Amino acid sequence: MDMKQLFEKGVSFIEFVNQDKDTHKEKTLEIYNNAEIQDTIKDMIKSIDEKVNILVFAEIWCPDCMINVPALQKISDENSNFNLSIIPREGNESYLEEYKVGGKAKIPTFVFMDKDFNKMGAFVEKPLVVKNIEENGTQPEIIVTKRKYRKGEYVEETIKEIINIIKK
């Protein structure tokens, strides 16, 4: 199965969220509903004038998915050129080979493709600013960053990183 066929098997953000009836759904929608996006970032999103197909490998129970999939939906809300399709990691690990970190398929993994389904890049798990603090920060910095990240305070960082991947 190629990436286009895989993309066509996926579900929308709402269908993804509705896979859960409880805590995971609530947390995902809370992040989505509380995400504030500055006008300058909205302008960056709106400046993308080509179709972008985004194949999302995610699971509703995953904390990083509950934070970053809503960020992706916010982008799609601002610009209809962004088409999302969400599929589970489970059963699709073979498509994640080139995106593995430390030999593991991480979620969420967003694979960005142009209108013809040619790969443009990928976002894996969490934004680089959070990864860098987790790897290089002091213990207090790491704790504070993780708390803020879990509350959705880095959604704009995820969005900026995604825009930079697409604009390469």
Protein backbone atom coordinates (compact mmCIF):
# COMPACT_ATOMS: atom_id res chain seq x y z
CA MET A 1 0.00 0.00 0.00
CA ASP A 2 1.38 3.41 -0.91
CA MET A 3 1.07 6.60 1.14
CA LYS A 4 -1.95 7.83 -0.83
CA GLN A 5 -3.85 4.58 -0.18
CA LEU A 6 -2.87 4.73 3.48
CA PHE A 7 -4.01 8.36 3.62
CA GLU A 8 -7.39 7.40 2.18
CA LYS A 9 -7.90 4.86 5.01
CA GLY A 10 -7.58 7.48 7.74
CA VAL A 11 -10.14 9.38 9.79
CA SER A 12 -10.78 13.06 10.53
CA PHE A 13 -9.90 14.85 13.75
CA ILE A 14 -13.48 14.53 15.05
CA GLU A 15 -13.59 10.81 14.25
CA PHE A 16 -10.23 10.39 15.97
CA VAL A 17 -11.39 12.22 19.09
CA ASN A 18 -14.61 10.22 19.18
CA GLN A 19 -12.63 6.97 19.41
CA ASP A 20 -12.68 7.67 23.15
CA LYS A 21 -15.67 8.52 25.28
CA ASP A 22 -13.82 9.65 28.38
CA THR A 23 -10.65 11.25 29.69
CA HIS A 24 -8.58 11.12 26.48
CA LYS A 25 -11.34 12.78 24.46
CA GLU A 26 -11.82 15.45 27.12
CA LYS A 27 -8.10 16.25 27.35
CA THR A 28 -7.69 16.38 23.55
CA LEU A 29 -10.67 18.72 23.16
CA GLU A 30 -9.47 20.84 26.10
CA ILE A 31 -6.10 21.36 24.38
CA TYR A 32 -7.87 22.11 21.09
CA ASN A 33 -10.38 24.55 22.59
CA ASN A 34 -7.81 26.39 24.74
CA ALA A 35 -5.10 26.75 22.09
CA GLU A 36 -4.54 30.44 21.44
CA ILE A 37 -2.78 31.26 18.19
CA GLN A 38 -1.22 34.66 17.59
CA ASP A 39 -2.21 36.53 14.44
CA THR A 40 1.36 36.40 13.10
CA ILE A 41 1.26 32.61 13.28
CA LYS A 42 -2.20 32.53 11.68
CA ASP A 43 -0.75 34.63 8.86
CA MET A 44 2.08 32.10 8.44
CA ILE A 45 -0.50 29.30 8.22
CA LYS A 46 -2.63 31.20 5.71
CA SER A 47 0.41 31.95 3.54
CA ILE A 48 0.65 28.29 2.48
CA ASP A 49 -1.07 28.31 -0.91
CA GLU A 50 -0.41 24.72 -2.01
CA LYS A 51 -2.28 21.60 -0.95
CA VAL A 52 -0.59 19.72 1.88
CA ASN A 53 -1.67 16.18 2.72
CA ILE A 54 -0.78 15.17 6.26
CA LEU A 55 -0.78 11.52 7.23
CA VAL A 56 -0.99 11.36 11.01
CA PHE A 57 0.03 8.26 12.95
CA ALA A 58 -1.63 8.65 16.34
CA GLU A 59 -3.50 6.91 19.15
CA ILE A 60 -6.12 8.71 21.25
CA TRP A 61 -4.61 7.45 24.54
CA CYS A 62 -1.17 8.96 23.82
CA PRO A 63 -0.38 12.15 25.82
CA ASP A 64 1.74 13.62 22.98
CA CYS A 65 -1.10 12.94 20.51
CA MET A 66 -3.59 14.69 22.80
CA ILE A 67 -1.38 17.80 22.58
CA ASN A 68 -0.06 17.84 19.01
CA VAL A 69 -2.95 16.45 16.96
CA PRO A 70 -5.15 19.39 18.09
CA ALA A 71 -2.34 21.75 16.98
CA LEU A 72 -2.52 20.19 13.55
CA GLN A 73 -6.30 20.59 13.48
CA LYS A 74 -5.89 24.27 14.37
CA ILE A 75 -3.70 24.65 11.26
CA SER A 76 -6.34 22.93 9.14
CA ASP A 77 -9.03 25.20 10.62
CA GLU A 78 -7.06 28.25 9.45
CA ASN A 79 -6.21 26.98 5.96
CA SER A 80 -8.26 24.53 3.90
CA ASN A 81 -5.13 23.58 1.91
CA PHE A 82 -4.24 21.28 4.82
CA ASN A 83 -5.83 17.84 4.57
CA LEU A 84 -5.47 15.56 7.61
CA SER A 85 -5.89 11.84 7.73
CA ILE A 86 -5.33 10.03 11.02
CA ILE A 87 -4.44 6.36 11.25
CA PRO A 88 -3.34 4.24 14.20
CA ARG A 89 0.31 3.39 14.74
CA GLU A 90 -0.72 -0.13 15.66
CA GLY A 91 -0.66 -2.24 12.51
CA ASN A 92 1.09 0.48 10.49
CA GLU A 93 4.55 0.40 12.07
CA SER A 94 6.21 -0.57 8.79
CA TYR A 95 5.33 2.86 7.36
CA LEU A 96 7.18 4.53 10.23
CA GLU A 97 10.59 2.92 9.64
CA GLU A 98 12.30 6.09 8.41
CA TYR A 99 10.89 8.15 11.30
CA LYS A 100 11.86 5.92 14.21
CA VAL A 101 13.68 7.44 17.16
CA GLY A 102 16.05 5.13 19.01
CA GLY A 103 14.64 2.21 17.05
CA LYS A 104 11.05 2.96 18.14
CA ALA A 105 8.07 4.21 16.17
CA LYS A 106 7.00 7.34 18.08
CA ILE A 107 3.59 8.95 18.03
CA PRO A 108 2.36 11.21 16.91
CA THR A 109 4.25 11.15 13.64
CA PHE A 110 3.00 13.59 11.00
CA VAL A 111 4.15 12.89 7.45
CA PHE A 112 3.74 15.96 5.23
CA MET A 113 3.14 15.37 1.53
CA ASP A 114 2.38 17.63 -1.40
CA LYS A 115 -0.74 17.35 -3.56
CA ASP A 116 0.79 14.38 -5.40
CA PHE A 117 1.70 12.60 -2.14
CA ASN A 118 5.44 13.24 -2.45
CA LYS A 119 6.98 13.44 1.03
CA MET A 120 7.99 16.90 2.23
CA GLY A 121 9.09 16.10 5.77
CA ALA A 122 7.88 14.87 9.12
CA PHE A 123 7.16 15.95 12.69
CA VAL A 124 7.81 13.28 15.32
CA GLU A 125 6.35 13.17 18.85
CA LYS A 126 6.84 16.69 20.25
CA PRO A 127 8.33 20.05 19.25
CA LEU A 128 12.11 20.44 19.14
CA VAL A 129 12.09 23.16 21.81
CA VAL A 130 10.64 20.65 24.30
CA LYS A 131 13.00 17.87 23.19
CA ASN A 132 16.00 20.18 23.56
CA ILE A 133 15.04 21.19 27.11
CA GLU A 134 14.41 17.54 28.04
CA GLU A 135 17.87 16.62 26.73
CA ASN A 136 19.92 19.64 27.85
CA GLY A 137 18.00 21.50 30.55
CA THR A 138 18.44 21.50 34.29
CA GLN A 139 16.07 19.35 36.34
CA PRO A 140 13.86 22.35 37.31
CA GLU A 141 13.72 23.51 33.66
CA ILE A 142 12.72 20.03 32.54
CA ILE A 143 9.96 19.76 35.16
CA VAL A 144 8.51 23.19 34.35
CA THR A 145 8.69 22.56 30.59
CA LYS A 146 6.96 19.19 30.87
CA ARG A 147 4.17 20.69 32.99
CA LYS A 148 3.63 23.52 30.52
CA TYR A 149 3.80 21.13 27.57
CA ARG A 150 1.19 18.80 29.09
CA LYS A 151 -1.12 21.80 29.59
CA GLY A 152 -0.83 22.67 25.89
CA GLU A 153 1.38 25.72 26.32
CA TYR A 154 3.69 24.69 23.46
CA VAL A 155 0.99 24.29 20.77
CA GLU A 156 2.28 27.37 18.94
CA GLU A 157 5.79 25.87 18.91
CA THR A 158 4.38 22.74 17.27
CA ILE A 159 2.58 24.88 14.69
CA LYS A 160 5.68 26.96 13.90
CA GLU A 161 7.77 23.81 13.51
CA ILE A 162 5.19 22.32 11.13
CA ILE A 163 5.10 25.48 9.01
CA ASN A 164 8.90 25.47 8.82
CA ILE A 165 8.91 21.84 7.66
CA ILE A 166 6.38 22.59 4.93
CA LYS A 167 8.11 25.77 3.74
CA LYS A 168 11.50 24.07 3.24
